[in-house]
Every structure is written in C-alpha cells, then in structure tokens.
Amino acid sequence: MLLRTVDDAQQSAIIPTTVSAELMSRSIWATLHGLALLNLRQPHERFGLNEPPEDLAADALSALFGL
C-alpha cells in the first residue's frame, strides 16, 4: 500500500522522483518505524527528541522529501 501511494505521489509530482518509489517507500517506513520505537521506549529524551511524535514525523518526512 505504501509503495503504491508513493508511486502515485511521484507520478503526480507531489513528492520528488529523485529516487525510486521502492527506495522512497523503504526510507519512509524505516524513518517512521524508528521514530515509533523511540517513542515507545522513551529514550527520545536523551537525544533531544522531546517534540510530539507527530511533529517529529512531519519534520523527518519533510527532510526526507527535501521540503
């Protein structure tokens, strides 16, 4: 489902096409998965990640997409 969504977004020029939809999908999944684990295990305080998870995810995806 994520791959299809990324591919559609790239085809519509919503997100960059600088990398394949497959690589972008894996990168999105890995980023969000990592943030979710940090949030669950609470070590985020040690790394200065004290923002709400939604804000961290938005910031990470913006950086990933180059926005």
C-alpha atoms as a PDB file:
ATOM      1  CA  MET A   1       0.000   0.000   0.000  1.00  0.00           C
ATOM      2  CA  LEU A   2       2.817   2.429   0.869  1.00  0.00           C
ATOM      3  CA  LEU A   3       4.660   1.677  -2.370  1.00  0.00           C
ATOM      4  CA  ARG A   4       1.526   2.322  -4.407  1.00  0.00           C
ATOM      5  CA  THR A   5       0.891   5.589  -2.564  1.00  0.00           C
ATOM      6  CA  VAL A   6       4.462   6.783  -3.057  1.00  0.00           C
ATOM      7  CA  ASP A   7       4.376   5.822  -6.722  1.00  0.00           C
ATOM      8  CA  ASP A   8       1.107   7.730  -7.210  1.00  0.00           C
ATOM      9  CA  ALA A   9       2.518  10.769  -5.384  1.00  0.00           C
ATOM     10  CA  GLN A  10       5.635  10.714  -7.549  1.00  0.00           C
ATOM     11  CA  GLN A  11       3.578  10.372 -10.734  1.00  0.00           C
ATOM     12  CA  SER A  12       1.517  13.386  -9.635  1.00  0.00           C
ATOM     13  CA  ALA A  13       4.680  15.387  -8.826  1.00  0.00           C
ATOM     14  CA  ILE A  14       3.638  15.690  -5.168  1.00  0.00           C
ATOM     15  CA  ILE A  15       6.930  14.232  -3.953  1.00  0.00           C
ATOM     16  CA  PRO A  16      10.322  14.123  -5.685  1.00  0.00           C
ATOM     17  CA  THR A  17      11.271  11.446  -8.166  1.00  0.00           C
ATOM     18  CA  THR A  18      14.991  11.654  -7.414  1.00  0.00           C
ATOM     19  CA  VAL A  19      14.899   8.083  -6.072  1.00  0.00           C
ATOM     20  CA  SER A  20      12.749   5.110  -6.983  1.00  0.00           C
ATOM     21  CA  ALA A  21       9.351   4.626  -5.371  1.00  0.00           C
ATOM     22  CA  GLU A  22      10.711   1.436  -3.801  1.00  0.00           C
ATOM     23  CA  LEU A  23      13.637   3.202  -2.118  1.00  0.00           C
ATOM     24  CA  MET A  24      11.442   6.115  -1.028  1.00  0.00           C
ATOM     25  CA  SER A  25       8.883   3.690   0.459  1.00  0.00           C
ATOM     26  CA  ARG A  26      11.557   1.802   2.400  1.00  0.00           C
ATOM     27  CA  SER A  27      13.022   5.075   3.648  1.00  0.00           C
ATOM     28  CA  ILE A  28       9.634   6.348   4.801  1.00  0.00           C
ATOM     29  CA  TRP A  29       8.862   3.079   6.561  1.00  0.00           C
ATOM     30  CA  ALA A  30      12.271   2.907   8.251  1.00  0.00           C
ATOM     31  CA  THR A  31      12.068   6.524   9.421  1.00  0.00           C
ATOM     32  CA  LEU A  32       8.584   6.247  10.860  1.00  0.00           C
ATOM     33  CA  HIS A  33       9.304   2.842  12.384  1.00  0.00           C
ATOM     34  CA  GLY A  34      12.401   4.203  14.092  1.00  0.00           C
ATOM     35  CA  LEU A  35      10.513   7.195  15.476  1.00  0.00           C
ATOM     36  CA  ALA A  36       7.732   4.923  16.728  1.00  0.00           C
ATOM     37  CA  LEU A  37      10.211   2.700  18.568  1.00  0.00           C
ATOM     38  CA  LEU A  38      11.932   5.693  20.115  1.00  0.00           C
ATOM     39  CA  ASN A  39       8.578   6.989  21.285  1.00  0.00           C
ATOM     40  CA  LEU A  40       7.609   3.632  22.792  1.00  0.00           C
ATOM     41  CA  ARG A  41      10.905   3.099  24.586  1.00  0.00           C
ATOM     42  CA  GLN A  42      11.216   6.692  25.835  1.00  0.00           C
ATOM     43  CA  PRO A  43      14.929   7.221  25.077  1.00  0.00           C
ATOM     44  CA  HIS A  44      13.959  10.178  22.918  1.00  0.00           C
ATOM     45  CA  GLU A  45      14.583  12.442  25.894  1.00  0.00           C
ATOM     46  CA  ARG A  46      18.296  11.594  25.766  1.00  0.00           C
ATOM     47  CA  PHE A  47      18.509  12.560  22.113  1.00  0.00           C
ATOM     48  CA  GLY A  48      16.645  15.865  22.303  1.00  0.00           C
ATOM     49  CA  LEU A  49      13.577  14.469  20.571  1.00  0.00           C
ATOM     50  CA  ASN A  50      11.078  15.938  23.004  1.00  0.00           C
ATOM     51  CA  GLU A  51       8.595  17.133  20.386  1.00  0.00           C
ATOM     52  CA  PRO A  52       5.275  15.324  19.948  1.00  0.00           C
ATOM     53  CA  PRO A  53       5.669  12.229  17.734  1.00  0.00           C
ATOM     54  CA  GLU A  54       3.507  13.774  15.029  1.00  0.00           C
ATOM     55  CA  ASP A  55       5.830  16.785  14.784  1.00  0.00           C
ATOM     56  CA  LEU A  56       8.926  14.582  14.686  1.00  0.00           C
ATOM     57  CA  ALA A  57       7.382  12.521  11.890  1.00  0.00           C
ATOM     58  CA  ALA A  58       6.406  15.624   9.899  1.00  0.00           C
ATOM     59  CA  ASP A  59       9.894  17.090  10.286  1.00  0.00           C
ATOM     60  CA  ALA A  60      11.592  13.815   9.321  1.00  0.00           C
ATOM     61  CA  LEU A  61       9.415  13.326   6.245  1.00  0.00           C
ATOM     62  CA  SER A  62       9.920  16.939   5.175  1.00  0.00           C
ATOM     63  CA  ALA A  63      13.664  16.414   5.391  1.00  0.00           C
ATOM     64  CA  LEU A  64      13.394  13.125   3.522  1.00  0.00           C
ATOM     65  CA  PHE A  65      11.429  14.743   0.707  1.00  0.00           C
ATOM     66  CA  GLY A  66      13.645  17.827   0.645  1.00  0.00           C
ATOM     67  CA  LEU A  67      10.789  20.173   1.511  1.00  0.00           C
END
